[in-house]
Amino acid sequence: MEHMTPIELGNSGSSAAIPHLIKFLKSDQPNDVRLAASAIRKLSSQHREKCTSSIPHLIKAMDTDRPQV
């Protein structure tokens, strides 16, 4: 999973993708951040408990002047 994109991680359906998506939330690339947030939302329908670990990182990612997260 280390070399997967945020889209691929979200489509994987695996809770193991969540730590990798959290790394993307810290990216300098706005599109990676936006796609990682979207992928976490997608995974939350199957892995709600595991996705809660991403909440602090999602909140931090929202602290930006960028129009989308």
Protein backbone atom coordinates (compact mmCIF):
# COMPACT_ATOMS: atom_id res chain seq x y z
CA MET A 1 0.00 0.00 0.00
CA GLU A 2 3.02 2.24 0.40
CA HIS A 3 3.04 3.22 -3.29
CA MET A 4 -0.70 3.59 -3.80
CA THR A 5 -2.44 6.89 -4.54
CA PRO A 6 -5.18 8.24 -2.26
CA ILE A 7 -7.77 7.09 -4.82
CA GLU A 8 -6.36 3.57 -4.89
CA LEU A 9 -6.23 3.47 -1.09
CA GLY A 10 -9.87 4.55 -0.85
CA ASN A 11 -10.92 1.99 -3.44
CA SER A 12 -9.03 -0.77 -1.63
CA GLY A 13 -11.74 -1.05 1.01
CA SER A 14 -9.05 -1.94 3.54
CA SER A 15 -8.67 -0.43 6.99
CA ALA A 16 -4.91 -0.87 6.51
CA ALA A 17 -5.11 2.07 4.07
CA ILE A 18 -6.01 4.58 6.79
CA PRO A 19 -2.47 5.19 8.17
CA HIS A 20 -1.28 5.78 4.59
CA LEU A 21 -4.13 8.23 3.97
CA ILE A 22 -3.22 10.10 7.15
CA LYS A 23 0.25 10.61 5.65
CA PHE A 24 -1.38 12.11 2.55
CA LEU A 25 -3.33 14.52 4.79
CA LYS A 26 0.04 16.03 5.71
CA SER A 27 1.10 16.50 2.08
CA ASP A 28 2.06 19.85 0.57
CA GLN A 29 0.00 18.89 -2.48
CA PRO A 30 -3.57 20.19 -2.03
CA ASN A 31 -5.03 17.58 -4.35
CA ASP A 32 -3.47 14.73 -2.33
CA VAL A 33 -4.98 16.17 0.85
CA ARG A 34 -8.41 16.52 -0.75
CA LEU A 35 -8.33 13.01 -2.19
CA ALA A 36 -7.13 11.51 1.10
CA ALA A 37 -9.98 13.16 2.99
CA SER A 38 -12.43 11.82 0.44
CA ALA A 39 -10.94 8.33 0.66
CA ILE A 40 -11.19 8.34 4.46
CA ARG A 41 -14.86 9.28 4.16
CA LYS A 42 -15.37 6.41 1.73
CA LEU A 43 -13.67 3.92 4.06
CA SER A 44 -15.60 5.16 7.09
CA SER A 45 -18.74 3.36 5.95
CA GLN A 46 -16.97 0.03 6.50
CA HIS A 47 -14.32 0.96 9.08
CA ARG A 48 -15.82 3.73 11.19
CA GLU A 49 -13.93 2.89 14.37
CA LYS A 50 -10.54 2.74 12.63
CA CYS A 51 -11.25 5.99 10.75
CA THR A 52 -11.74 7.91 13.98
CA SER A 53 -7.95 7.96 14.35
CA SER A 54 -7.85 10.29 11.34
CA ILE A 55 -10.11 12.97 12.86
CA PRO A 56 -7.34 15.10 14.44
CA HIS A 57 -5.44 14.99 11.13
CA LEU A 58 -8.55 15.95 9.17
CA ILE A 59 -9.13 18.91 11.47
CA LYS A 60 -5.53 20.05 11.05
CA ALA A 61 -5.82 19.68 7.25
CA MET A 62 -8.80 22.04 7.30
CA ASP A 63 -6.64 24.81 8.76
CA THR A 64 -5.71 26.19 5.35
CA ASP A 65 -6.55 28.90 2.87
CA ARG A 66 -7.19 26.28 0.22
CA PRO A 67 -10.78 26.11 -1.01
CA GLN A 68 -11.15 22.33 -0.63
CA VAL A 69 -10.01 19.68 1.78
